[in-house]
Amino acid sequence: MSPRTRIRLIVGGLALVAAAVVAGVALIGRGDGSPGEKPPVLELSVLLGADSEAQALRAAERAYDSGQTENARAQFAALLRDHPESLEAAVGAAVSSWPDGTFERLRELEASHPDSALVHLHLGLALYAEGQQDEAAAEWRKAVEVEPDSQSAVRAGDVLHPDMAPGLPSFVTALEPPPGLTGKSPQDQLDELEAAARNGGADEWILYAKVAAAVARFDKDDPSAAFSRLGPLARDHPDSALLRFHLGVLLLWIRDVQDARAQLEKAAATMPVSLYSREAKSLLSRLEGIGT
C-alpha cells in the first residue's frame, strides 16, 4: 500500500468520525428493550487474515449479527472442534449460546485468560445486556487495562465513553520520515530528531514528531494528556496547518464541535494547497450546521 493510499484511508476514516459526531451513533443499543430481551453484541474484531480460521470467524460473526443465532452457534461449535485453542471461537460460542450458559462460559474464559481484553469486553457486553451496567463498566475497564492497544480495548473505550467519537484518532502526514525512524514510537522518533537537530537539520520533523507524540497520548479517560501538549505547540506555532488540523480532529473526538470547527478553519486558511488544509475543508463541509 502506498503512503498516499494510507493517507486517503486515514482521512476517509476521519470523515466517518465527523459523520459519527453528527449522527450521535448509539454503540450498544442503549434503551432498546428490557434487560435480557436482546442478546449481547458480538465484537470479535477479526478484520484481517485470509486463512480459513479467520474467514470462518467472520462468517460466523456475520450470521450472529444478522440474527441467524442457531446458524452462528453451529459455526462457532465447528470452529472450536477444528481450532480448540481459538479464543475468538470460544467467545463466539459463549455469546451465541445466549442466554444458556453464556455467563458460565465467559467466566471460565475470564479465569483462564485474565489478561484478555476480548474476554473482558464480551463479559461486559453480556452483563450490559442483563441490565448490570456497573458490573459491565468494570469489565470494560479491565479490558482497557490488560491490553490497552488491542482492538477489543478500543471498543471497550467506545462503550465506556459513548459521548466521544468511536475509535482513536490517527496522526496524518504526507511526508516521508528520515531514515531510521520507521517502526519507532512517536516519543523515540522525537528523541532521535531532537538529537539530529542539535547537529543541524530535522527542525521541521521535530514539530511533526511532537504532534504525533501528542496524538498518540490521547486517552478517553484523560484527554488532557494530549491537549496539554497540543495547546503549547499551537501557541508556539500559530501558523501550522499540521498542528491546527490535528487539534481540530482531537476536539472532534470529544465532540467539541464548535472549537474543532475553529481549529479546522485555521488549518484550512493556512497553506491552502497542503494536505491538512484540504482535509480540514473536507471535514468542515461535513460539519455544516452542527454545533452552532
Protein backbone atom coordinates (compact mmCIF):
# COMPACT_ATOMS: atom_id res chain seq x y z
CA MET A 1 0.00 0.00 0.00
CA SER A 2 1.44 3.37 -0.98
CA PRO A 3 1.83 6.23 1.53
CA ARG A 4 -0.77 8.21 -0.41
CA THR A 5 -3.26 5.34 -0.19
CA ARG A 6 -2.68 5.05 3.56
CA ILE A 7 -3.29 8.77 3.95
CA ARG A 8 -6.55 8.59 2.00
CA LEU A 9 -7.74 5.69 4.16
CA ILE A 10 -6.94 7.60 7.35
CA VAL A 11 -8.58 10.84 6.31
CA GLY A 12 -11.53 8.87 4.99
CA GLY A 13 -11.84 7.38 8.46
CA LEU A 14 -11.77 10.88 9.93
CA ALA A 15 -14.68 11.81 7.69
CA LEU A 16 -16.58 8.88 9.20
CA VAL A 17 -15.77 10.25 12.64
CA ALA A 18 -17.27 13.57 11.61
CA ALA A 19 -20.36 11.70 10.46
CA ALA A 20 -20.50 9.87 13.81
CA VAL A 21 -20.28 13.18 15.64
CA VAL A 22 -23.19 14.45 13.58
CA ALA A 23 -25.30 11.33 13.97
CA GLY A 24 -24.55 10.61 17.62
CA VAL A 25 -24.47 6.87 16.88
CA ALA A 26 -25.53 4.61 19.75
CA LEU A 27 -22.89 1.93 20.28
CA ILE A 28 -24.69 -0.85 22.13
CA GLY A 29 -28.37 -0.15 21.71
CA ARG A 30 -28.93 1.89 24.84
CA GLY A 31 -32.54 1.86 25.93
CA ASP A 32 -33.61 -0.81 23.43
CA GLY A 33 -35.90 -3.15 25.32
CA SER A 34 -35.78 -4.55 28.86
CA PRO A 35 -32.73 -6.31 30.35
CA GLY A 36 -32.33 -9.81 28.96
CA GLU A 37 -34.62 -9.25 25.98
CA LYS A 38 -31.83 -8.70 23.47
CA PRO A 39 -28.66 -10.79 23.16
CA PRO A 40 -25.24 -9.20 23.67
CA VAL A 41 -23.35 -7.58 20.84
CA LEU A 42 -20.53 -9.68 19.36
CA GLU A 43 -17.28 -7.82 18.61
CA LEU A 44 -14.57 -10.32 17.64
CA SER A 45 -12.69 -7.74 15.54
CA VAL A 46 -11.34 -10.34 13.11
CA LEU A 47 -10.86 -7.80 10.34
CA LEU A 48 -7.70 -9.15 8.75
CA GLY A 49 -6.41 -12.55 7.79
CA ALA A 50 -7.14 -14.70 4.79
CA ASP A 51 -6.64 -18.09 6.49
CA SER A 52 -9.56 -20.47 6.86
CA GLU A 53 -9.99 -19.78 10.58
CA ALA A 54 -10.27 -16.01 10.13
CA GLN A 55 -12.72 -16.43 7.25
CA ALA A 56 -14.85 -18.85 9.28
CA LEU A 57 -14.86 -16.49 12.28
CA ARG A 58 -16.03 -13.61 10.11
CA ALA A 59 -18.75 -15.76 8.57
CA ALA A 60 -19.99 -16.92 11.98
CA GLU A 61 -19.99 -13.37 13.31
CA ARG A 62 -21.94 -12.14 10.28
CA ALA A 63 -24.51 -14.87 10.87
CA TYR A 64 -24.87 -13.79 14.51
CA ASP A 65 -25.13 -10.11 13.59
CA SER A 66 -27.89 -10.88 11.08
CA GLY A 67 -29.96 -12.72 13.67
CA GLN A 68 -29.16 -16.27 12.48
CA THR A 69 -28.34 -17.35 16.02
CA GLU A 70 -28.63 -21.12 15.57
CA ASN A 71 -26.52 -20.97 12.41
CA ALA A 72 -23.89 -18.88 14.19
CA ARG A 73 -23.89 -21.25 17.17
CA ALA A 74 -23.27 -24.22 14.89
CA GLN A 75 -20.48 -22.41 13.05
CA PHE A 76 -18.71 -21.45 16.28
CA ALA A 77 -19.05 -25.02 17.57
CA ALA A 78 -17.46 -26.33 14.37
CA LEU A 79 -14.67 -23.76 14.70
CA LEU A 80 -13.94 -24.91 18.23
CA ARG A 81 -13.73 -28.52 17.10
CA ASP A 82 -11.22 -27.59 14.40
CA HIS A 83 -9.40 -24.92 16.42
CA PRO A 84 -9.84 -25.72 20.13
CA GLU A 85 -7.21 -23.10 21.01
CA SER A 86 -9.14 -20.26 19.32
CA LEU A 87 -10.18 -17.75 21.97
CA GLU A 88 -12.31 -15.88 19.41
CA ALA A 89 -14.24 -19.06 18.62
CA ALA A 90 -14.72 -19.76 22.35
CA VAL A 91 -16.06 -16.25 22.95
CA GLY A 92 -18.32 -16.53 19.90
CA ALA A 93 -19.66 -19.88 21.10
CA ALA A 94 -20.36 -18.45 24.56
CA VAL A 95 -22.17 -15.36 23.30
CA SER A 96 -24.16 -17.18 20.61
CA SER A 97 -25.50 -19.61 23.22
CA TRP A 98 -27.31 -16.70 24.92
CA PRO A 99 -28.76 -16.95 27.47
CA ASP A 100 -27.99 -20.62 28.13
CA GLY A 101 -24.57 -20.92 29.73
CA THR A 102 -23.22 -17.63 28.36
CA PHE A 103 -22.09 -16.25 31.71
CA GLU A 104 -20.69 -19.58 32.88
CA ARG A 105 -18.60 -19.92 29.71
CA LEU A 106 -17.38 -16.35 29.78
CA ARG A 107 -16.47 -16.58 33.48
CA GLU A 108 -14.46 -19.72 32.73
CA LEU A 109 -12.68 -17.92 29.91
CA GLU A 110 -12.01 -14.97 32.21
CA ALA A 111 -10.44 -17.32 34.78
CA SER A 112 -8.21 -18.97 32.18
CA HIS A 113 -7.43 -15.77 30.23
CA PRO A 114 -7.39 -12.95 32.82
CA ASP A 115 -5.30 -10.74 30.52
CA SER A 116 -7.60 -10.98 27.52
CA ALA A 117 -9.32 -7.73 26.57
CA LEU A 118 -11.53 -9.77 24.21
CA VAL A 119 -12.97 -11.79 27.10
CA HIS A 120 -13.45 -8.80 29.42
CA LEU A 121 -15.14 -6.84 26.62
CA HIS A 122 -17.69 -9.58 25.95
CA LEU A 123 -18.35 -10.37 29.60
CA GLY A 124 -19.11 -6.67 29.94
CA LEU A 125 -21.41 -6.74 26.92
CA ALA A 126 -23.25 -9.75 28.35
CA LEU A 127 -23.62 -8.04 31.73
CA TYR A 128 -24.90 -4.92 30.00
CA ALA A 129 -27.49 -6.97 28.11
CA GLU A 130 -28.70 -8.21 31.51
CA GLY A 131 -29.01 -4.66 32.79
CA GLN A 132 -25.96 -4.83 35.09
CA GLN A 133 -24.39 -1.60 33.90
CA ASP A 134 -21.94 -1.02 36.77
CA GLU A 135 -20.59 -4.56 36.53
CA ALA A 136 -20.35 -4.20 32.75
CA ALA A 137 -18.34 -0.99 33.06
CA ALA A 138 -15.94 -2.71 35.47
CA GLU A 139 -15.24 -5.42 32.88
CA TRP A 140 -14.72 -2.85 30.13
CA ARG A 141 -12.22 -1.01 32.32
CA LYS A 142 -10.37 -4.30 32.81
CA ALA A 143 -10.25 -4.72 29.02
CA VAL A 144 -8.59 -1.32 28.66
CA GLU A 145 -6.14 -2.07 31.47
CA VAL A 146 -4.94 -5.51 30.40
CA GLU A 147 -4.47 -4.90 26.65
CA PRO A 148 -4.69 -1.15 26.04
CA ASP A 149 -3.52 -1.32 22.41
CA SER A 150 -5.89 -4.08 21.31
CA GLN A 151 -8.98 -3.56 19.20
CA SER A 152 -11.10 -5.02 22.00
CA ALA A 153 -9.74 -2.40 24.41
CA VAL A 154 -10.52 0.36 21.91
CA ARG A 155 -14.06 -0.99 21.61
CA ALA A 156 -14.36 -1.11 25.39
CA GLY A 157 -13.28 2.52 25.47
CA ASP A 158 -16.03 3.31 22.99
CA VAL A 159 -18.78 1.87 25.17
CA LEU A 160 -17.31 3.43 28.31
CA HIS A 161 -17.33 6.83 26.61
CA PRO A 162 -20.39 6.96 24.32
CA ASP A 163 -20.16 10.76 24.46
CA MET A 164 -16.97 10.61 22.37
CA ALA A 165 -16.37 9.57 18.79
CA PRO A 166 -15.66 5.85 18.31
CA GLY A 167 -12.12 4.56 17.96
CA LEU A 168 -8.96 6.58 18.48
CA PRO A 169 -7.53 9.46 16.45
CA SER A 170 -4.73 8.90 13.95
CA PHE A 171 -1.76 11.07 13.06
CA VAL A 172 -1.76 12.12 9.40
CA THR A 173 1.33 13.22 7.48
CA ALA A 174 2.24 13.39 3.81
CA LEU A 175 5.98 13.49 4.50
CA GLU A 176 8.31 10.54 4.33
CA PRO A 177 10.21 10.26 7.61
CA PRO A 178 14.00 10.46 7.67
CA PRO A 179 15.80 7.09 7.55
CA GLY A 180 15.91 5.15 10.80
CA LEU A 181 12.57 6.27 12.26
CA THR A 182 10.33 3.56 10.83
CA GLY A 183 8.84 1.31 13.47
CA LYS A 184 9.78 3.51 16.41
CA SER A 185 7.29 5.06 18.81
CA PRO A 186 6.45 8.78 18.45
CA GLN A 187 8.48 9.56 21.58
CA ASP A 188 11.52 7.61 20.34
CA GLN A 189 11.22 9.37 16.98
CA LEU A 190 11.08 12.72 18.73
CA ASP A 191 14.19 11.93 20.80
CA GLU A 192 16.13 10.94 17.68
CA LEU A 193 15.00 14.00 15.73
CA GLU A 194 15.93 16.36 18.55
CA ALA A 195 19.38 14.79 18.67
CA ALA A 196 19.70 15.29 14.90
CA ALA A 197 18.53 18.90 15.16
CA ARG A 198 21.36 19.74 17.53
CA ASN A 199 23.72 18.83 14.71
CA GLY A 200 21.75 20.83 12.14
CA GLY A 201 18.57 19.97 10.24
CA ALA A 202 15.46 17.98 11.24
CA ASP A 203 13.80 21.08 12.72
CA GLU A 204 10.59 20.64 10.68
CA TRP A 205 10.35 17.00 11.63
CA ILE A 206 10.62 17.85 15.32
CA LEU A 207 7.22 19.57 15.11
CA TYR A 208 5.76 16.59 13.25
CA ALA A 209 7.07 14.18 15.88
CA LYS A 210 5.82 16.36 18.73
CA VAL A 211 2.33 16.45 17.23
CA ALA A 212 2.45 12.69 16.62
CA ALA A 213 3.52 12.11 20.22
CA ALA A 214 0.64 14.26 21.46
CA VAL A 215 -1.94 12.46 19.31
CA ALA A 216 -0.58 9.09 20.48
CA ARG A 217 -1.21 10.17 24.08
CA PHE A 218 -4.93 10.70 23.52
CA ASP A 219 -6.78 8.76 26.19
CA LYS A 220 -10.56 8.80 26.50
CA ASP A 221 -10.25 8.58 30.28
CA ASP A 222 -7.91 11.58 30.28
CA PRO A 223 -7.97 13.60 27.03
CA SER A 224 -5.87 16.28 28.72
CA ALA A 225 -2.82 14.05 28.23
CA ALA A 226 -2.93 15.03 24.55
CA PHE A 227 -4.40 18.52 24.77
CA SER A 228 -1.86 19.66 27.36
CA ARG A 229 0.83 19.06 24.74
CA LEU A 230 -1.01 20.40 21.72
CA GLY A 231 -2.01 23.65 23.43
CA PRO A 232 1.55 24.95 23.97
CA LEU A 233 2.51 23.77 20.48
CA ALA A 234 -0.37 25.77 18.99
CA ARG A 235 0.78 28.84 20.90
CA ASP A 236 4.35 28.45 19.62
CA HIS A 237 3.37 27.52 16.05
CA PRO A 238 0.18 29.51 15.32
CA ASP A 239 0.50 29.14 11.53
CA SER A 240 1.00 25.38 11.41
CA ALA A 241 -1.77 23.71 9.37
CA LEU A 242 -0.48 20.33 10.57
CA LEU A 243 -0.99 21.32 14.19
CA ARG A 244 -4.35 23.06 13.74
CA PHE A 245 -5.70 20.10 11.76
CA HIS A 246 -4.81 17.53 14.42
CA LEU A 247 -6.02 19.76 17.23
CA GLY A 248 -9.33 20.06 15.38
CA VAL A 249 -9.51 16.28 14.94
CA LEU A 250 -8.94 15.62 18.63
CA LEU A 251 -11.59 18.18 19.53
CA LEU A 252 -13.98 16.33 17.23
CA TRP A 253 -13.23 13.15 19.17
CA ILE A 254 -14.53 14.68 22.36
CA ARG A 255 -17.44 16.18 20.38
CA ASP A 256 -16.39 19.76 21.00
CA VAL A 257 -17.67 20.70 17.56
CA GLN A 258 -17.52 24.47 17.98
CA ASP A 259 -13.84 24.57 18.98
CA ALA A 260 -12.99 21.84 16.45
CA ARG A 261 -14.51 23.94 13.69
CA ALA A 262 -12.42 26.95 14.78
CA GLN A 263 -9.20 24.94 14.60
CA LEU A 264 -10.10 23.33 11.27
CA GLU A 265 -10.91 26.76 9.83
CA LYS A 266 -7.43 27.94 10.84
CA ALA A 267 -5.91 24.85 9.23
CA ALA A 268 -7.92 25.45 6.05
CA ALA A 269 -6.73 29.06 5.85
CA THR A 270 -3.06 28.16 6.28
CA MET A 271 -1.12 26.81 3.29
CA PRO A 272 -4.25 26.28 1.13
CA VAL A 273 -2.55 23.69 -1.10
CA SER A 274 -1.39 21.49 1.79
CA LEU A 275 -2.89 18.12 2.65
CA TYR A 276 -4.05 19.44 6.02
CA SER A 277 -5.80 22.44 4.52
CA ARG A 278 -7.66 20.27 2.01
CA GLU A 279 -8.72 17.70 4.57
CA ALA A 280 -9.72 20.40 7.06
CA LYS A 281 -12.05 21.83 4.40
CA SER A 282 -13.46 18.35 3.79
CA LEU A 283 -14.21 17.84 7.48
CA LEU A 284 -15.70 21.33 7.75
CA SER A 285 -18.09 20.56 4.93
CA ARG A 286 -19.38 17.59 6.92
CA LEU A 287 -19.89 19.71 9.99
CA GLU A 288 -22.10 22.30 8.31
CA GLY A 289 -24.97 23.23 10.60
CA ILE A 290 -23.66 21.16 13.54
CA GLY A 291 -22.76 22.59 16.94
CA THR A 292 -23.93 26.14 16.17
